[in-house]
Amino acid sequence: MTEEERILNGILFSPSHPELKVIKLRSHNLSHQYSQMFEDKAEEREAILTQLLGRKGESCFIQGPVFFHYGVHTEIGHHFFANYNLTIQDDAKVTIGDYTSFGPNVTIVTPIHPFIASERRQMFDQNGDPKSLCYAKPVTIGNDVWLSANVTVCGGVTIGDRCVIGAGSVVTQDIPEDSFAAGVPCRVIRKITEADRACVINRKSWRIAVL
């Protein structure tokens, strides 16, 4: 089993393994290249995202700057938008659905480090060699989800379709579909209903196009 296969199987792995360092260096360089590129260089930015990500849908726009740890472990659906300073530490798989939007400073972190201090320094790997080891849990974010500014999503979390996550939240557990959730740790506050429609709230001043 390769070191990357160990990651994707949720097994302890060595982040400093040469095999993984090659993948990460490529992703870091492409992330930096994207972040330094002017916004009107649309074709060039699109080409970098295509190289960087495991899968990218149509009409995917990321404002930048961005940081992807592995890049190839992240799959993004159609019509995705992310505002400034997106960080995805995608040691494990990160899957983002269609028509999902992120506010500024959204962070997704999949690695999990040992609680015991001595184990954070070194453990024995599968060959009996002392190494710095950790493991990672995947993150899944559904369709039509809105993550507000400064949201952090932790490893192992699934956020269901059509959810809204309030600004500054730290999501440590699954959020069921059609939920408004917020807080540290993030908790479901209520279900999103027809009463939340902007055309109901602002009936006199707005006309909403239903797509």
N, C-alpha and C. Protein backbone atom coordinates (compact mmCIF):
# COMPACT_ATOMS: atom_id res chain seq x y z
N MET A 1 0.84 -1.20 0.00
CA MET A 1 0.00 0.00 0.00
C MET A 1 0.88 1.25 0.00
N THR A 2 0.61 2.18 -0.93
CA THR A 2 1.38 3.42 -0.97
C THR A 2 0.97 4.33 0.18
N GLU A 3 1.80 5.35 0.41
CA GLU A 3 1.50 6.29 1.50
C GLU A 3 0.21 7.07 1.20
N GLU A 4 -0.01 7.41 -0.05
CA GLU A 4 -1.25 8.12 -0.40
C GLU A 4 -2.47 7.21 -0.20
N GLU A 5 -2.34 5.93 -0.52
CA GLU A 5 -3.44 4.99 -0.27
C GLU A 5 -3.74 4.88 1.22
N ARG A 6 -2.70 4.97 2.03
CA ARG A 6 -2.92 4.96 3.48
C ARG A 6 -3.76 6.16 3.91
N ILE A 7 -3.46 7.32 3.36
CA ILE A 7 -4.26 8.52 3.67
C ILE A 7 -5.72 8.28 3.34
N LEU A 8 -5.97 7.84 2.12
CA LEU A 8 -7.35 7.72 1.63
C LEU A 8 -8.11 6.58 2.30
N ASN A 9 -7.38 5.69 2.97
CA ASN A 9 -8.02 4.61 3.73
C ASN A 9 -8.13 4.93 5.22
N GLY A 10 -7.78 6.16 5.60
CA GLY A 10 -7.90 6.57 6.99
C GLY A 10 -6.89 5.92 7.91
N ILE A 11 -5.75 5.51 7.37
CA ILE A 11 -4.71 4.84 8.16
C ILE A 11 -3.61 5.85 8.48
N LEU A 12 -2.93 5.66 9.61
CA LEU A 12 -1.80 6.52 9.95
C LEU A 12 -0.80 6.59 8.79
N PHE A 13 -0.35 7.81 8.49
CA PHE A 13 0.61 7.98 7.40
C PHE A 13 1.67 8.98 7.82
N SER A 14 2.74 9.03 7.07
CA SER A 14 3.85 9.94 7.35
C SER A 14 3.79 11.13 6.39
N PRO A 15 3.44 12.33 6.88
CA PRO A 15 3.34 13.50 5.99
C PRO A 15 4.65 13.85 5.30
N SER A 16 5.77 13.43 5.89
CA SER A 16 7.07 13.78 5.31
C SER A 16 7.57 12.76 4.30
N HIS A 17 6.76 11.75 4.00
CA HIS A 17 7.17 10.73 3.04
C HIS A 17 7.45 11.39 1.68
N PRO A 18 8.55 11.01 1.00
CA PRO A 18 8.91 11.64 -0.28
C PRO A 18 7.79 11.60 -1.32
N GLU A 19 7.05 10.51 -1.36
CA GLU A 19 5.92 10.37 -2.30
C GLU A 19 4.90 11.49 -2.10
N LEU A 20 4.61 11.81 -0.84
CA LEU A 20 3.61 12.84 -0.54
C LEU A 20 4.19 14.23 -0.72
N LYS A 21 5.46 14.40 -0.42
CA LYS A 21 6.08 15.71 -0.57
C LYS A 21 6.08 16.18 -2.02
N VAL A 22 6.19 15.26 -2.96
CA VAL A 22 6.14 15.61 -4.38
C VAL A 22 4.76 16.15 -4.74
N ILE A 23 3.71 15.48 -4.26
CA ILE A 23 2.34 15.92 -4.55
C ILE A 23 2.08 17.29 -3.95
N LYS A 24 2.51 17.46 -2.69
CA LYS A 24 2.25 18.72 -1.99
C LYS A 24 3.02 19.88 -2.60
N LEU A 25 4.27 19.64 -2.99
CA LEU A 25 5.06 20.71 -3.59
C LEU A 25 4.40 21.21 -4.89
N ARG A 26 3.92 20.27 -5.69
CA ARG A 26 3.23 20.64 -6.93
C ARG A 26 2.00 21.50 -6.63
N SER A 27 1.22 21.07 -5.64
CA SER A 27 0.01 21.80 -5.29
C SER A 27 0.33 23.18 -4.72
N HIS A 28 1.34 23.26 -3.86
CA HIS A 28 1.72 24.55 -3.28
C HIS A 28 2.18 25.52 -4.36
N ASN A 29 2.95 25.02 -5.31
CA ASN A 29 3.44 25.89 -6.39
C ASN A 29 2.30 26.37 -7.27
N LEU A 30 1.37 25.48 -7.61
CA LEU A 30 0.23 25.88 -8.43
C LEU A 30 -0.68 26.84 -7.67
N SER A 31 -0.87 26.60 -6.38
CA SER A 31 -1.67 27.52 -5.57
C SER A 31 -1.05 28.92 -5.56
N HIS A 32 0.25 28.96 -5.39
CA HIS A 32 0.96 30.25 -5.39
C HIS A 32 0.84 30.93 -6.75
N GLN A 33 0.99 30.15 -7.81
CA GLN A 33 0.90 30.69 -9.16
C GLN A 33 -0.49 31.29 -9.40
N TYR A 34 -1.52 30.57 -8.98
CA TYR A 34 -2.90 31.06 -9.14
C TYR A 34 -3.10 32.35 -8.34
N SER A 35 -2.61 32.36 -7.11
CA SER A 35 -2.81 33.50 -6.22
C SER A 35 -2.12 34.76 -6.73
N GLN A 36 -1.02 34.60 -7.46
CA GLN A 36 -0.27 35.74 -7.97
C GLN A 36 -0.79 36.25 -9.31
N MET A 37 -1.71 35.51 -9.93
CA MET A 37 -2.16 35.85 -11.27
C MET A 37 -3.31 36.86 -11.22
N PHE A 38 -3.26 37.85 -12.12
CA PHE A 38 -4.32 38.85 -12.16
C PHE A 38 -5.65 38.23 -12.51
N GLU A 39 -6.71 38.79 -11.95
CA GLU A 39 -8.05 38.22 -12.08
C GLU A 39 -8.54 38.20 -13.52
N ASP A 40 -8.11 39.16 -14.35
CA ASP A 40 -8.58 39.19 -15.73
C ASP A 40 -7.88 38.17 -16.63
N LYS A 41 -6.94 37.41 -16.08
CA LYS A 41 -6.29 36.33 -16.83
C LYS A 41 -7.13 35.06 -16.67
N ALA A 42 -8.35 35.12 -17.15
CA ALA A 42 -9.33 34.07 -16.88
C ALA A 42 -8.90 32.71 -17.43
N GLU A 43 -8.41 32.66 -18.65
CA GLU A 43 -8.03 31.38 -19.26
C GLU A 43 -6.86 30.75 -18.52
N GLU A 44 -5.88 31.57 -18.15
CA GLU A 44 -4.71 31.05 -17.45
C GLU A 44 -5.09 30.53 -16.07
N ARG A 45 -5.96 31.25 -15.36
CA ARG A 45 -6.41 30.82 -14.04
C ARG A 45 -7.20 29.51 -14.14
N GLU A 46 -8.03 29.42 -15.16
CA GLU A 46 -8.81 28.20 -15.38
C GLU A 46 -7.89 27.01 -15.62
N ALA A 47 -6.85 27.21 -16.40
CA ALA A 47 -5.91 26.12 -16.70
C ALA A 47 -5.19 25.65 -15.43
N ILE A 48 -4.84 26.57 -14.55
CA ILE A 48 -4.16 26.20 -13.31
C ILE A 48 -5.09 25.39 -12.42
N LEU A 49 -6.36 25.82 -12.29
CA LEU A 49 -7.31 25.08 -11.46
C LEU A 49 -7.52 23.66 -12.00
N THR A 50 -7.54 23.53 -13.32
CA THR A 50 -7.71 22.21 -13.93
C THR A 50 -6.54 21.30 -13.57
N GLN A 51 -5.32 21.85 -13.57
CA GLN A 51 -4.15 21.07 -13.16
C GLN A 51 -4.16 20.75 -11.67
N LEU A 52 -4.65 21.70 -10.90
CA LEU A 52 -4.52 21.65 -9.44
C LEU A 52 -5.48 20.67 -8.79
N LEU A 53 -6.73 20.62 -9.27
CA LEU A 53 -7.78 19.89 -8.57
C LEU A 53 -7.98 18.49 -9.14
N GLY A 54 -8.50 17.60 -8.30
CA GLY A 54 -8.83 16.26 -8.76
C GLY A 54 -9.95 16.26 -9.77
N ARG A 55 -10.95 17.12 -9.56
CA ARG A 55 -12.05 17.29 -10.51
C ARG A 55 -12.62 18.68 -10.32
N LYS A 56 -12.96 19.34 -11.41
CA LYS A 56 -13.53 20.67 -11.36
C LYS A 56 -14.67 20.77 -12.35
N GLY A 57 -15.84 21.22 -11.87
CA GLY A 57 -16.99 21.35 -12.74
C GLY A 57 -16.95 22.63 -13.57
N GLU A 58 -18.01 22.88 -14.31
CA GLU A 58 -18.12 24.08 -15.13
C GLU A 58 -18.43 25.29 -14.25
N SER A 59 -18.01 26.47 -14.73
CA SER A 59 -18.29 27.74 -14.06
C SER A 59 -17.81 27.73 -12.61
N CYS A 60 -16.57 27.37 -12.44
CA CYS A 60 -15.94 27.35 -11.11
C CYS A 60 -15.06 28.59 -10.99
N PHE A 61 -15.38 29.48 -10.05
CA PHE A 61 -14.60 30.70 -9.88
C PHE A 61 -14.12 30.80 -8.44
N ILE A 62 -12.82 30.93 -8.28
CA ILE A 62 -12.21 31.11 -6.96
C ILE A 62 -11.46 32.44 -6.99
N GLN A 63 -11.83 33.33 -6.09
CA GLN A 63 -11.29 34.69 -6.12
C GLN A 63 -9.78 34.71 -5.98
N GLY A 64 -9.25 34.00 -5.00
CA GLY A 64 -7.83 34.04 -4.70
C GLY A 64 -7.54 35.14 -3.67
N PRO A 65 -6.46 35.05 -2.89
CA PRO A 65 -5.49 33.94 -2.94
C PRO A 65 -6.07 32.63 -2.41
N VAL A 66 -5.44 31.53 -2.82
CA VAL A 66 -5.91 30.20 -2.42
C VAL A 66 -4.73 29.39 -1.89
N PHE A 67 -5.07 28.35 -1.12
CA PHE A 67 -4.06 27.39 -0.73
C PHE A 67 -4.69 26.01 -0.69
N PHE A 68 -4.18 25.11 -1.53
CA PHE A 68 -4.55 23.70 -1.50
C PHE A 68 -3.32 22.90 -1.09
N HIS A 69 -3.51 21.97 -0.15
CA HIS A 69 -2.36 21.20 0.36
C HIS A 69 -1.95 20.11 -0.62
N TYR A 70 -2.92 19.33 -1.08
CA TYR A 70 -2.66 18.28 -2.08
C TYR A 70 -3.32 18.62 -3.42
N GLY A 71 -4.44 19.29 -3.39
CA GLY A 71 -5.12 19.68 -4.63
C GLY A 71 -5.86 18.53 -5.29
N VAL A 72 -5.13 17.49 -5.62
CA VAL A 72 -5.71 16.35 -6.33
C VAL A 72 -6.71 15.58 -5.47
N HIS A 73 -6.73 15.83 -4.16
CA HIS A 73 -7.70 15.17 -3.29
C HIS A 73 -9.00 15.96 -3.18
N THR A 74 -9.09 17.11 -3.86
CA THR A 74 -10.29 17.95 -3.81
C THR A 74 -11.06 17.86 -5.12
N GLU A 75 -12.37 17.60 -5.00
CA GLU A 75 -13.26 17.58 -6.16
C GLU A 75 -14.36 18.62 -5.95
N ILE A 76 -14.53 19.48 -6.95
CA ILE A 76 -15.50 20.58 -6.86
C ILE A 76 -16.50 20.45 -8.00
N GLY A 77 -17.78 20.62 -7.68
CA GLY A 77 -18.84 20.48 -8.66
C GLY A 77 -19.01 21.72 -9.54
N HIS A 78 -20.16 21.79 -10.21
CA HIS A 78 -20.45 22.89 -11.14
C HIS A 78 -20.90 24.14 -10.38
N HIS A 79 -20.61 25.30 -10.99
CA HIS A 79 -21.10 26.59 -10.50
C HIS A 79 -20.68 26.86 -9.05
N PHE A 80 -19.40 26.65 -8.79
CA PHE A 80 -18.84 26.91 -7.46
C PHE A 80 -18.24 28.30 -7.41
N PHE A 81 -18.42 28.97 -6.28
CA PHE A 81 -17.78 30.28 -6.06
C PHE A 81 -17.12 30.29 -4.69
N ALA A 82 -15.89 30.79 -4.63
CA ALA A 82 -15.20 30.99 -3.35
C ALA A 82 -14.59 32.39 -3.33
N ASN A 83 -14.80 33.09 -2.24
CA ASN A 83 -14.25 34.43 -2.06
C ASN A 83 -12.79 34.33 -1.61
N TYR A 84 -12.24 35.44 -1.12
CA TYR A 84 -10.82 35.54 -0.79
C TYR A 84 -10.36 34.51 0.25
N ASN A 85 -9.10 34.11 0.11
CA ASN A 85 -8.38 33.34 1.15
C ASN A 85 -8.99 31.97 1.45
N LEU A 86 -9.30 31.23 0.41
CA LEU A 86 -9.76 29.85 0.59
C LEU A 86 -8.55 28.96 0.91
N THR A 87 -8.67 28.18 1.99
CA THR A 87 -7.63 27.22 2.36
C THR A 87 -8.25 25.83 2.47
N ILE A 88 -7.73 24.87 1.72
CA ILE A 88 -8.21 23.49 1.81
C ILE A 88 -7.02 22.58 2.06
N GLN A 89 -6.94 22.08 3.30
CA GLN A 89 -5.87 21.15 3.67
C GLN A 89 -6.40 19.73 3.43
N ASP A 90 -6.32 19.35 2.18
CA ASP A 90 -7.00 18.14 1.71
C ASP A 90 -6.10 16.91 1.74
N ASP A 91 -5.58 16.58 2.93
CA ASP A 91 -4.89 15.30 3.04
C ASP A 91 -5.87 14.18 2.67
N ALA A 92 -7.03 14.17 3.32
CA ALA A 92 -8.11 13.25 2.94
C ALA A 92 -8.95 13.90 1.84
N LYS A 93 -9.88 13.15 1.32
CA LYS A 93 -10.72 13.60 0.22
C LYS A 93 -11.64 14.74 0.66
N VAL A 94 -11.74 15.78 -0.16
CA VAL A 94 -12.70 16.87 0.04
C VAL A 94 -13.59 16.92 -1.19
N THR A 95 -14.91 16.80 -0.97
CA THR A 95 -15.86 16.80 -2.07
C THR A 95 -16.86 17.94 -1.86
N ILE A 96 -16.99 18.79 -2.86
CA ILE A 96 -17.88 19.95 -2.79
C ILE A 96 -18.87 19.86 -3.94
N GLY A 97 -20.16 20.03 -3.64
CA GLY A 97 -21.22 19.84 -4.63
C GLY A 97 -21.42 21.01 -5.57
N ASP A 98 -22.54 20.96 -6.30
CA ASP A 98 -22.89 21.98 -7.29
C ASP A 98 -23.54 23.19 -6.62
N TYR A 99 -23.38 24.36 -7.25
CA TYR A 99 -24.02 25.60 -6.81
C TYR A 99 -23.73 25.92 -5.34
N THR A 100 -22.52 25.64 -4.93
CA THR A 100 -22.10 25.92 -3.55
C THR A 100 -21.19 27.15 -3.55
N SER A 101 -21.32 27.98 -2.51
CA SER A 101 -20.57 29.22 -2.42
C SER A 101 -19.91 29.37 -1.05
N PHE A 102 -18.70 29.91 -1.06
CA PHE A 102 -17.94 30.15 0.17
C PHE A 102 -17.67 31.64 0.31
N GLY A 103 -17.83 32.18 1.52
CA GLY A 103 -17.42 33.54 1.81
C GLY A 103 -15.92 33.64 2.01
N PRO A 104 -15.42 34.83 2.40
CA PRO A 104 -13.98 35.00 2.61
C PRO A 104 -13.47 34.15 3.77
N ASN A 105 -12.22 33.72 3.65
CA ASN A 105 -11.48 33.06 4.74
C ASN A 105 -12.08 31.73 5.18
N VAL A 106 -12.66 30.99 4.26
CA VAL A 106 -13.15 29.65 4.59
C VAL A 106 -11.95 28.69 4.61
N THR A 107 -11.95 27.80 5.62
CA THR A 107 -10.88 26.82 5.79
C THR A 107 -11.48 25.43 5.96
N ILE A 108 -10.95 24.47 5.22
CA ILE A 108 -11.32 23.06 5.38
C ILE A 108 -10.06 22.30 5.77
N VAL A 109 -10.12 21.61 6.92
CA VAL A 109 -8.94 20.90 7.41
C VAL A 109 -9.30 19.43 7.67
N THR A 110 -8.60 18.53 7.00
CA THR A 110 -8.89 17.10 7.15
C THR A 110 -7.92 16.34 8.05
N PRO A 111 -6.68 16.81 8.29
CA PRO A 111 -5.75 16.01 9.11
C PRO A 111 -6.16 16.00 10.58
N ILE A 112 -5.84 14.91 11.25
CA ILE A 112 -6.09 14.76 12.68
C ILE A 112 -4.80 14.26 13.32
N HIS A 113 -4.33 15.00 14.33
CA HIS A 113 -3.07 14.66 14.99
C HIS A 113 -3.35 14.03 16.35
N PRO A 114 -2.45 13.19 16.84
CA PRO A 114 -2.66 12.53 18.13
C PRO A 114 -2.82 13.53 19.29
N PHE A 115 -3.61 13.15 20.30
CA PHE A 115 -3.80 13.96 21.50
C PHE A 115 -2.59 13.88 22.42
N ILE A 116 -1.94 12.73 22.45
CA ILE A 116 -0.82 12.52 23.37
C ILE A 116 0.44 13.18 22.79
N ALA A 117 1.05 14.06 23.58
CA ALA A 117 2.16 14.88 23.08
C ALA A 117 3.30 14.03 22.51
N SER A 118 3.66 12.96 23.20
CA SER A 118 4.78 12.13 22.74
C SER A 118 4.48 11.49 21.39
N GLU A 119 3.20 11.19 21.13
CA GLU A 119 2.81 10.58 19.85
C GLU A 119 2.84 11.62 18.72
N ARG A 120 2.69 12.91 19.07
CA ARG A 120 2.83 13.93 18.04
C ARG A 120 4.28 14.09 17.61
N ARG A 121 5.20 13.70 18.49
CA ARG A 121 6.62 13.77 18.13
C ARG A 121 6.98 12.60 17.22
N GLN A 122 6.75 11.39 17.70
CA GLN A 122 7.10 10.21 16.91
C GLN A 122 6.27 9.00 17.32
N MET A 123 5.96 8.18 16.33
CA MET A 123 5.41 6.84 16.55
C MET A 123 6.14 5.91 15.59
N PHE A 124 5.91 4.61 15.76
CA PHE A 124 6.52 3.65 14.85
C PHE A 124 5.58 3.38 13.68
N ASP A 125 6.12 3.47 12.47
CA ASP A 125 5.30 3.21 11.29
C ASP A 125 5.16 1.71 11.04
N GLN A 126 4.57 1.34 9.89
CA GLN A 126 4.28 -0.07 9.59
C GLN A 126 5.56 -0.90 9.46
N ASN A 127 6.70 -0.23 9.25
CA ASN A 127 7.97 -0.94 9.13
C ASN A 127 8.76 -0.93 10.44
N GLY A 128 8.15 -0.33 11.50
CA GLY A 128 8.85 -0.26 12.77
C GLY A 128 9.82 0.89 12.88
N ASP A 129 9.76 1.83 11.92
CA ASP A 129 10.66 2.98 11.95
C ASP A 129 9.99 4.15 12.66
N PRO A 130 10.72 4.91 13.50
CA PRO A 130 10.13 6.06 14.18
C PRO A 130 9.86 7.19 13.18
N LYS A 131 8.61 7.65 13.17
CA LYS A 131 8.21 8.72 12.23
C LYS A 131 7.19 9.62 12.91
N SER A 132 7.04 10.82 12.35
CA SER A 132 5.94 11.70 12.73
C SER A 132 4.73 11.26 11.92
N LEU A 133 3.65 10.84 12.57
CA LEU A 133 2.50 10.25 11.89
C LEU A 133 1.21 10.98 12.25
N CYS A 134 0.26 10.97 11.33
CA CYS A 134 -1.08 11.48 11.60
C CYS A 134 -2.04 10.73 10.69
N TYR A 135 -3.31 11.04 10.78
CA TYR A 135 -4.27 10.48 9.83
C TYR A 135 -5.26 11.57 9.47
N ALA A 136 -6.13 11.31 8.53
CA ALA A 136 -7.04 12.33 8.03
C ALA A 136 -8.42 11.74 7.77
N LYS A 137 -9.44 12.59 7.88
CA LYS A 137 -10.82 12.18 7.63
C LYS A 137 -11.42 13.05 6.53
N PRO A 138 -12.20 12.47 5.63
CA PRO A 138 -12.75 13.23 4.50
C PRO A 138 -13.81 14.25 4.92
N VAL A 139 -14.01 15.23 4.07
CA VAL A 139 -15.07 16.24 4.23
C VAL A 139 -15.94 16.23 2.98
N THR A 140 -17.25 16.24 3.20
CA THR A 140 -18.20 16.29 2.09
C THR A 140 -19.15 17.46 2.31
N ILE A 141 -19.25 18.32 1.31
CA ILE A 141 -20.15 19.47 1.36
C ILE A 141 -21.10 19.34 0.18
N GLY A 142 -22.39 19.40 0.46
CA GLY A 142 -23.40 19.09 -0.54
C GLY A 142 -23.64 20.17 -1.57
N ASN A 143 -24.76 20.04 -2.27
CA ASN A 143 -25.16 21.01 -3.29
C ASN A 143 -25.86 22.21 -2.65
N ASP A 144 -25.72 23.37 -3.29
CA ASP A 144 -26.44 24.58 -2.87
C ASP A 144 -26.15 24.98 -1.43
N VAL A 145 -24.93 24.75 -0.98
CA VAL A 145 -24.53 25.10 0.38
C VAL A 145 -23.86 26.48 0.37
N TRP A 146 -24.10 27.25 1.42
CA TRP A 146 -23.43 28.54 1.58
C TRP A 146 -22.67 28.52 2.90
N LEU A 147 -21.34 28.62 2.80
CA LEU A 147 -20.50 28.79 3.98
C LEU A 147 -20.15 30.27 4.08
N SER A 148 -20.54 30.92 5.17
CA SER A 148 -20.28 32.34 5.34
C SER A 148 -18.82 32.59 5.69
N ALA A 149 -18.47 33.87 5.89
CA ALA A 149 -17.09 34.27 6.13
C ALA A 149 -16.52 33.58 7.37
N ASN A 150 -15.24 33.20 7.26
CA ASN A 150 -14.46 32.68 8.39
C ASN A 150 -14.99 31.36 8.96
N VAL A 151 -15.62 30.56 8.14
CA VAL A 151 -16.07 29.23 8.57
C VAL A 151 -14.91 28.25 8.46
N THR A 152 -14.77 27.39 9.48
CA THR A 152 -13.80 26.30 9.46
C THR A 152 -14.56 24.97 9.51
N VAL A 153 -14.25 24.08 8.59
CA VAL A 153 -14.86 22.75 8.55
C VAL A 153 -13.78 21.72 8.88
N CYS A 154 -14.02 20.90 9.90
CA CYS A 154 -13.03 19.94 10.37
C CYS A 154 -13.21 18.57 9.71
N GLY A 155 -12.19 17.74 9.81
CA GLY A 155 -12.18 16.43 9.18
C GLY A 155 -13.31 15.53 9.67
N GLY A 156 -13.85 14.74 8.75
CA GLY A 156 -14.91 13.79 9.07
C GLY A 156 -16.30 14.35 8.97
N VAL A 157 -16.46 15.62 8.58
CA VAL A 157 -17.76 16.29 8.58
C VAL A 157 -18.44 16.17 7.21
N THR A 158 -19.76 15.96 7.25
CA THR A 158 -20.61 16.06 6.06
C THR A 158 -21.63 17.17 6.29
N ILE A 159 -21.71 18.10 5.35
CA ILE A 159 -22.71 19.17 5.40
C ILE A 159 -23.71 18.89 4.29
N GLY A 160 -24.98 18.74 4.66
CA GLY A 160 -26.01 18.33 3.71
C GLY A 160 -26.39 19.42 2.73
N ASP A 161 -27.16 19.04 1.71
CA ASP A 161 -27.60 19.97 0.67
C ASP A 161 -28.38 21.14 1.26
N ARG A 162 -28.19 22.29 0.63
CA ARG A 162 -28.99 23.51 0.89
C ARG A 162 -28.80 24.08 2.29
N CYS A 163 -27.69 23.78 2.93
CA CYS A 163 -27.41 24.33 4.27
C CYS A 163 -26.79 25.72 4.16
N VAL A 164 -26.97 26.51 5.21
CA VAL A 164 -26.28 27.78 5.40
C VAL A 164 -25.54 27.70 6.73
N ILE A 165 -24.23 27.98 6.69
CA ILE A 165 -23.40 27.95 7.90
C ILE A 165 -23.01 29.39 8.23
N GLY A 166 -23.36 29.85 9.44
CA GLY A 166 -23.14 31.23 9.85
C GLY A 166 -21.67 31.59 9.97
N ALA A 167 -21.39 32.89 9.84
CA ALA A 167 -20.02 33.41 9.87
C ALA A 167 -19.31 33.04 11.16
N GLY A 168 -18.03 32.66 11.02
CA GLY A 168 -17.19 32.37 12.17
C GLY A 168 -17.40 31.00 12.80
N SER A 169 -18.23 30.17 12.20
CA SER A 169 -18.54 28.85 12.78
C SER A 169 -17.37 27.89 12.61
N VAL A 170 -17.27 26.95 13.57
CA VAL A 170 -16.32 25.84 13.48
C VAL A 170 -17.15 24.56 13.45
N VAL A 171 -17.18 23.91 12.28
CA VAL A 171 -18.06 22.76 12.07
C VAL A 171 -17.30 21.49 12.43
N THR A 172 -17.72 20.84 13.51
CA THR A 172 -17.04 19.64 14.00
C THR A 172 -17.90 18.39 13.89
N GLN A 173 -19.16 18.53 13.50
CA GLN A 173 -20.06 17.37 13.36
C GLN A 173 -20.96 17.58 12.16
N ASP A 174 -21.58 16.50 11.70
CA ASP A 174 -22.43 16.55 10.51
C ASP A 174 -23.59 17.53 10.69
N ILE A 175 -23.94 18.20 9.59
CA ILE A 175 -25.08 19.12 9.57
C ILE A 175 -26.09 18.57 8.57
N PRO A 176 -27.33 18.26 9.00
CA PRO A 176 -28.32 17.70 8.08
C PRO A 176 -28.79 18.72 7.05
N GLU A 177 -29.29 18.22 5.94
CA GLU A 177 -29.71 19.09 4.84
C GLU A 177 -30.77 20.10 5.29
N ASP A 178 -30.82 21.22 4.55
CA ASP A 178 -31.81 22.28 4.78
C ASP A 178 -31.72 22.88 6.18
N SER A 179 -30.50 23.00 6.71
CA SER A 179 -30.31 23.54 8.06
C SER A 179 -29.59 24.88 8.01
N PHE A 180 -29.99 25.78 8.91
CA PHE A 180 -29.17 26.94 9.24
C PHE A 180 -28.45 26.60 10.53
N ALA A 181 -27.11 26.62 10.47
CA ALA A 181 -26.29 26.23 11.63
C ALA A 181 -25.20 27.27 11.84
N ALA A 182 -24.82 27.46 13.10
CA ALA A 182 -23.80 28.45 13.42
C ALA A 182 -23.24 28.18 14.80
N GLY A 183 -22.07 28.80 15.08
CA GLY A 183 -21.50 28.74 16.42
C GLY A 183 -20.19 27.99 16.49
N VAL A 184 -19.60 28.02 17.69
CA VAL A 184 -18.35 27.31 17.98
C VAL A 184 -18.57 26.49 19.25
N PRO A 185 -18.74 25.16 19.13
CA PRO A 185 -18.84 24.42 17.87
C PRO A 185 -20.17 24.69 17.17
N CYS A 186 -20.19 24.47 15.87
CA CYS A 186 -21.37 24.75 15.06
C CYS A 186 -22.52 23.79 15.41
N ARG A 187 -23.70 24.37 15.62
CA ARG A 187 -24.89 23.58 15.93
C ARG A 187 -26.06 24.04 15.06
N VAL A 188 -26.98 23.11 14.79
CA VAL A 188 -28.16 23.46 14.02
C VAL A 188 -29.03 24.41 14.84
N ILE A 189 -29.38 25.54 14.24
CA ILE A 189 -30.25 26.50 14.91
C ILE A 189 -31.70 26.27 14.52
N ARG A 190 -31.94 26.03 13.24
CA ARG A 190 -33.30 25.73 12.78
C ARG A 190 -33.24 25.22 11.35
N LYS A 191 -34.38 24.72 10.88
CA LYS A 191 -34.52 24.32 9.49
C LYS A 191 -34.75 25.55 8.62
N ILE A 192 -34.28 25.50 7.40
CA ILE A 192 -34.57 26.55 6.42
C ILE A 192 -35.90 26.20 5.75
N THR A 193 -36.83 27.17 5.72
CA THR A 193 -38.18 26.93 5.21
C THR A 193 -38.53 27.94 4.13
N GLU A 194 -39.73 27.79 3.57
CA GLU A 194 -40.23 28.72 2.55
C GLU A 194 -40.31 30.15 3.08
N ALA A 195 -40.47 30.30 4.38
CA ALA A 195 -40.56 31.64 4.98
C ALA A 195 -39.26 32.43 4.84
N ASP A 196 -38.15 31.72 4.52
CA ASP A 196 -36.86 32.39 4.38
C ASP A 196 -36.62 32.95 2.99
N ARG A 197 -37.56 32.75 2.08
CA ARG A 197 -37.37 33.25 0.72
C ARG A 197 -37.20 34.76 0.72
N ALA A 198 -36.19 35.24 -0.05
CA ALA A 198 -35.94 36.67 -0.13
C ALA A 198 -37.14 37.41 -0.71
N CYS A 199 -37.89 36.76 -1.61
CA CYS A 199 -39.03 37.44 -2.23
C CYS A 199 -40.17 37.60 -1.24
N VAL A 200 -40.16 36.80 -0.14
CA VAL A 200 -41.16 36.98 0.92
C VAL A 200 -40.69 38.06 1.88
N ILE A 201 -39.40 38.01 2.25
CA ILE A 201 -38.86 38.96 3.21
C ILE A 201 -38.83 40.38 2.62
N ASN A 202 -38.51 40.50 1.33
CA ASN A 202 -38.36 41.81 0.70
C ASN A 202 -39.34 41.98 -0.46
N ARG A 203 -40.57 41.61 -0.22
CA ARG A 203 -41.56 41.56 -1.30
C ARG A 203 -41.68 42.88 -2.06
N LYS A 204 -41.56 44.01 -1.38
CA LYS A 204 -41.81 45.30 -2.01
C LYS A 204 -40.63 45.81 -2.82
N SER A 205 -39.42 45.36 -2.47
CA SER A 205 -38.25 45.98 -3.08
C SER A 205 -37.44 45.08 -4.00
N TRP A 206 -37.73 43.77 -4.00
CA TRP A 206 -36.92 42.85 -4.79
C TRP A 206 -37.78 41.93 -5.62
N ARG A 207 -37.26 41.59 -6.78
CA ARG A 207 -37.86 40.54 -7.61
C ARG A 207 -36.82 39.46 -7.78
N ILE A 208 -37.15 38.24 -7.39
CA ILE A 208 -36.19 37.14 -7.42
C ILE A 208 -36.47 36.25 -8.63
N ALA A 209 -35.43 36.00 -9.40
CA ALA A 209 -35.55 35.08 -10.53
C ALA A 209 -35.31 33.66 -10.04
N VAL A 210 -36.25 32.77 -10.29
CA VAL A 210 -36.11 31.37 -9.90
C VAL A 210 -35.48 30.63 -11.07
N LEU A 211 -34.29 30.06 -10.84
CA LEU A 211 -33.54 29.39 -11.91
C LEU A 211 -33.85 27.91 -11.92
